[in-house]
């Protein structure tokens, strides 16, 4: 099994992506005007986006390494800019970068590695949902509600079946698994709007 040593550039790219995603979601929730509300939203997004984004990318990375590949996260500065700008218009187009995999993979393993990220987000969404329903704390409930929405959205968004998105590789590997995963992801997003 290939073991990857963390590189300074990779860690910095993860932190930079985490920061921009958190800021973008904070702007989406609180608006662009600097205020206490924006700062609180940023802190909440840092926890929820941080959990969702980091674990999504690490799921890709560690599973690829389990299959004997070298896997490194790289931020995409252009897409980070688009992510931030899109938040100013009331939506998020998040494609901050990705895990680049070097090694030989068949369609099945590539599909499984690709599915690992969105499935991580959906599991986190369910954990946040359960927490929001079970807690008596208003602060934890608000944080969990945001965590549920962000992770459900990230899971669904990444199942888009074209371009560099995870969904394309899952679709090419197994269409039944793609459809089932996408239905669950989209269902969780709609559930958020019904709550």
Protein backbone atom coordinates (compact mmCIF):
# COMPACT_ATOMS: atom_id res chain seq x y z
CA UNK A 1 0.00 0.00 0.00
CA UNK A 2 1.32 3.44 -0.97
CA UNK A 3 1.71 5.84 1.95
CA UNK A 4 1.67 9.51 1.08
CA UNK A 5 3.61 11.96 3.18
CA UNK A 6 1.86 15.25 3.63
CA UNK A 7 3.47 18.04 1.64
CA UNK A 8 3.40 21.67 2.80
CA UNK A 9 1.77 22.77 -0.48
CA UNK A 10 -1.01 20.20 -0.12
CA UNK A 11 -1.81 21.25 3.45
CA UNK A 12 -1.81 24.94 2.42
CA UNK A 13 -4.12 24.16 -0.52
CA UNK A 14 -6.55 22.36 1.81
CA UNK A 15 -6.54 25.27 4.28
CA UNK A 16 -6.95 27.86 1.52
CA UNK A 17 -9.89 25.95 0.01
CA UNK A 18 -11.45 25.50 3.44
CA UNK A 19 -11.20 29.26 4.12
CA UNK A 20 -12.67 30.34 0.75
CA UNK A 21 -15.52 27.81 0.97
CA UNK A 22 -16.31 28.94 4.51
CA UNK A 23 -16.32 32.60 3.46
CA UNK A 24 -18.50 31.87 0.43
CA UNK A 25 -21.10 30.03 2.52
CA UNK A 26 -20.98 32.78 5.18
CA UNK A 27 -21.73 35.38 2.48
CA UNK A 28 -24.54 33.18 1.13
CA UNK A 29 -26.14 32.93 4.59
CA UNK A 30 -25.46 36.43 5.96
CA UNK A 31 -24.84 38.69 2.96
CA UNK A 32 -21.65 40.51 1.98
CA UNK A 33 -21.93 43.41 4.43
CA UNK A 34 -19.36 43.05 7.19
CA UNK A 35 -21.23 42.49 10.42
CA UNK A 36 -21.37 40.32 13.51
CA UNK A 37 -23.85 38.12 11.65
CA UNK A 38 -21.29 37.54 8.87
CA UNK A 39 -18.60 36.69 11.43
CA UNK A 40 -20.88 34.22 13.23
CA UNK A 41 -21.90 32.69 9.88
CA UNK A 42 -18.23 32.38 8.92
CA UNK A 43 -17.41 30.57 12.17
CA UNK A 44 -20.37 28.22 11.71
CA UNK A 45 -19.49 27.59 8.05
CA UNK A 46 -15.87 26.93 9.02
CA UNK A 47 -17.00 24.08 11.27
CA UNK A 48 -19.63 22.66 8.89
CA UNK A 49 -17.87 23.28 5.57
CA UNK A 50 -14.56 22.34 7.14
CA UNK A 51 -15.91 18.99 8.24
CA UNK A 52 -17.67 18.31 4.94
CA UNK A 53 -14.97 19.57 2.60
CA UNK A 54 -11.98 18.06 4.41
CA UNK A 55 -13.53 14.65 5.02
CA UNK A 56 -14.82 14.53 1.42
CA UNK A 57 -11.35 15.12 -0.01
CA UNK A 58 -9.63 12.89 2.54
CA UNK A 59 -12.05 10.06 1.70
CA UNK A 60 -10.88 10.26 -1.94
CA UNK A 61 -7.24 10.53 -0.92
CA UNK A 62 -7.08 7.72 1.62
CA UNK A 63 -9.12 5.27 -0.46
CA UNK A 64 -6.93 5.94 -3.52
CA UNK A 65 -3.87 5.30 -1.36
CA UNK A 66 -5.44 2.08 -0.11
CA UNK A 67 -5.59 0.98 -3.76
CA UNK A 68 -1.85 1.67 -4.10
CA UNK A 69 -2.00 5.08 -5.79
CA UNK A 70 -0.42 8.39 -4.89
CA UNK A 71 -3.15 10.95 -4.17
CA UNK A 72 -2.57 14.67 -3.62
CA UNK A 73 -5.07 17.51 -3.08
CA UNK A 74 -4.55 20.62 -5.20
CA UNK A 75 -6.60 23.83 -5.02
CA UNK A 76 -7.80 25.50 -8.24
CA UNK A 77 -7.34 29.28 -7.82
CA UNK A 78 -9.73 30.13 -10.68
CA UNK A 79 -12.49 27.91 -9.31
CA UNK A 80 -11.95 29.26 -5.80
CA UNK A 81 -12.53 32.74 -7.26
CA UNK A 82 -15.71 31.57 -9.01
CA UNK A 83 -16.90 29.97 -5.74
CA UNK A 84 -16.47 33.27 -3.90
CA UNK A 85 -18.01 35.40 -6.67
CA UNK A 86 -21.01 33.09 -7.06
CA UNK A 87 -21.84 33.53 -3.36
CA UNK A 88 -22.30 37.26 -3.98
CA UNK A 89 -25.15 36.39 -6.37
CA UNK A 90 -27.00 34.15 -3.92
CA UNK A 91 -25.76 30.70 -4.91
CA UNK A 92 -22.61 28.60 -4.58
CA UNK A 93 -20.73 26.98 -7.44
CA UNK A 94 -18.14 25.06 -5.45
CA UNK A 95 -15.32 23.29 -7.24
CA UNK A 96 -12.33 24.47 -5.20
CA UNK A 97 -9.92 21.81 -6.40
CA UNK A 98 -9.56 18.11 -6.12
CA UNK A 99 -7.50 15.07 -5.29
CA UNK A 100 -5.19 14.17 -8.15
CA UNK A 101 -4.57 10.45 -8.32
CA UNK A 102 -1.47 8.90 -9.87
CA UNK A 103 -1.65 5.17 -10.46
CA UNK A 104 -3.51 2.52 -12.39
CA UNK A 105 -7.21 2.15 -11.61
CA UNK A 106 -9.99 0.25 -13.34
CA UNK A 107 -13.49 1.77 -13.69
CA UNK A 108 -14.75 0.00 -10.58
CA UNK A 109 -12.04 1.27 -8.25
CA UNK A 110 -12.14 4.74 -9.80
CA UNK A 111 -15.92 4.78 -9.31
CA UNK A 112 -15.63 3.65 -5.69
CA UNK A 113 -12.99 6.31 -4.94
CA UNK A 114 -15.20 8.95 -6.57
CA UNK A 115 -18.29 7.82 -4.64
CA UNK A 116 -16.43 7.95 -1.32
CA UNK A 117 -16.47 11.77 -1.22
CA UNK A 118 -20.21 12.37 -1.76
CA UNK A 119 -21.11 9.43 0.50
CA UNK A 120 -18.98 10.98 3.24
CA UNK A 121 -21.02 14.19 2.86
CA UNK A 122 -24.32 12.29 3.01
CA UNK A 123 -23.27 10.43 6.17
CA UNK A 124 -22.25 13.75 7.73
CA UNK A 125 -25.58 15.29 6.64
CA UNK A 126 -27.45 12.52 8.47
CA UNK A 127 -25.29 12.96 11.59
CA UNK A 128 -25.94 16.72 11.57
CA UNK A 129 -29.67 16.10 10.98
CA UNK A 130 -29.89 13.71 13.93
CA UNK A 131 -27.99 16.16 16.13
CA UNK A 132 -30.28 19.06 15.17
CA UNK A 133 -33.36 16.97 16.00
CA UNK A 134 -32.05 15.58 19.29
CA UNK A 135 -30.33 18.59 20.87
CA UNK A 136 -32.04 21.05 23.18
CA UNK A 137 -29.39 23.71 22.55
CA UNK A 138 -30.46 26.41 20.09
CA UNK A 139 -26.82 27.09 19.10
CA UNK A 140 -26.05 23.42 18.42
CA UNK A 141 -29.35 23.05 16.59
CA UNK A 142 -28.52 26.02 14.30
CA UNK A 143 -25.00 24.74 13.68
CA UNK A 144 -26.30 21.23 12.96
CA UNK A 145 -29.00 22.56 10.62
CA UNK A 146 -26.33 24.39 8.59
CA UNK A 147 -24.11 21.30 8.66
CA UNK A 148 -26.99 19.20 7.37
CA UNK A 149 -27.74 21.58 4.50
CA UNK A 150 -24.11 22.09 3.44
CA UNK A 151 -23.26 18.39 3.46
CA UNK A 152 -26.47 17.35 1.69
CA UNK A 153 -25.79 20.03 -0.94
CA UNK A 154 -22.11 19.04 -1.35
CA UNK A 155 -23.11 15.39 -1.73
CA UNK A 156 -25.72 16.18 -4.39
CA UNK A 157 -23.58 18.74 -6.23
CA UNK A 158 -20.67 16.34 -6.56
CA UNK A 159 -22.94 13.72 -8.17
CA UNK A 160 -23.27 15.84 -11.34
CA UNK A 161 -22.47 13.25 -14.06
CA UNK A 162 -20.11 15.25 -16.27
CA UNK A 163 -16.84 17.19 -16.26
CA UNK A 164 -14.50 16.70 -13.32
CA UNK A 165 -17.31 15.86 -10.89
CA UNK A 166 -17.40 12.61 -8.93
CA UNK A 167 -20.75 11.69 -10.46
CA UNK A 168 -19.24 11.20 -13.92
CA UNK A 169 -16.90 8.45 -12.73
CA UNK A 170 -19.64 6.80 -10.67
CA UNK A 171 -21.98 6.90 -13.71
CA UNK A 172 -19.31 5.29 -15.91
CA UNK A 173 -18.75 2.55 -13.30
CA UNK A 174 -22.28 1.62 -12.18
CA UNK A 175 -25.42 3.47 -13.24
CA UNK A 176 -27.68 1.78 -10.68
CA UNK A 177 -25.41 2.89 -7.83
CA UNK A 178 -25.19 6.35 -9.41
CA UNK A 179 -29.00 6.71 -9.56
CA UNK A 180 -29.55 5.41 -6.01
CA UNK A 181 -26.85 7.70 -4.58
CA UNK A 182 -28.10 10.73 -6.46
CA UNK A 183 -31.73 10.16 -5.43
CA UNK A 184 -30.66 9.99 -1.78
CA UNK A 185 -28.49 13.11 -2.10
CA UNK A 186 -31.16 15.18 -3.86
CA UNK A 187 -33.79 13.88 -1.45
CA UNK A 188 -31.77 15.15 1.52
CA UNK A 189 -31.41 18.58 -0.12
CA UNK A 190 -35.20 18.79 -0.64
CA UNK A 191 -35.77 17.57 2.93
CA UNK A 192 -33.82 20.60 4.16
CA UNK A 193 -36.25 22.95 2.41
CA UNK A 194 -39.24 21.12 3.86
CA UNK A 195 -38.04 21.48 7.48
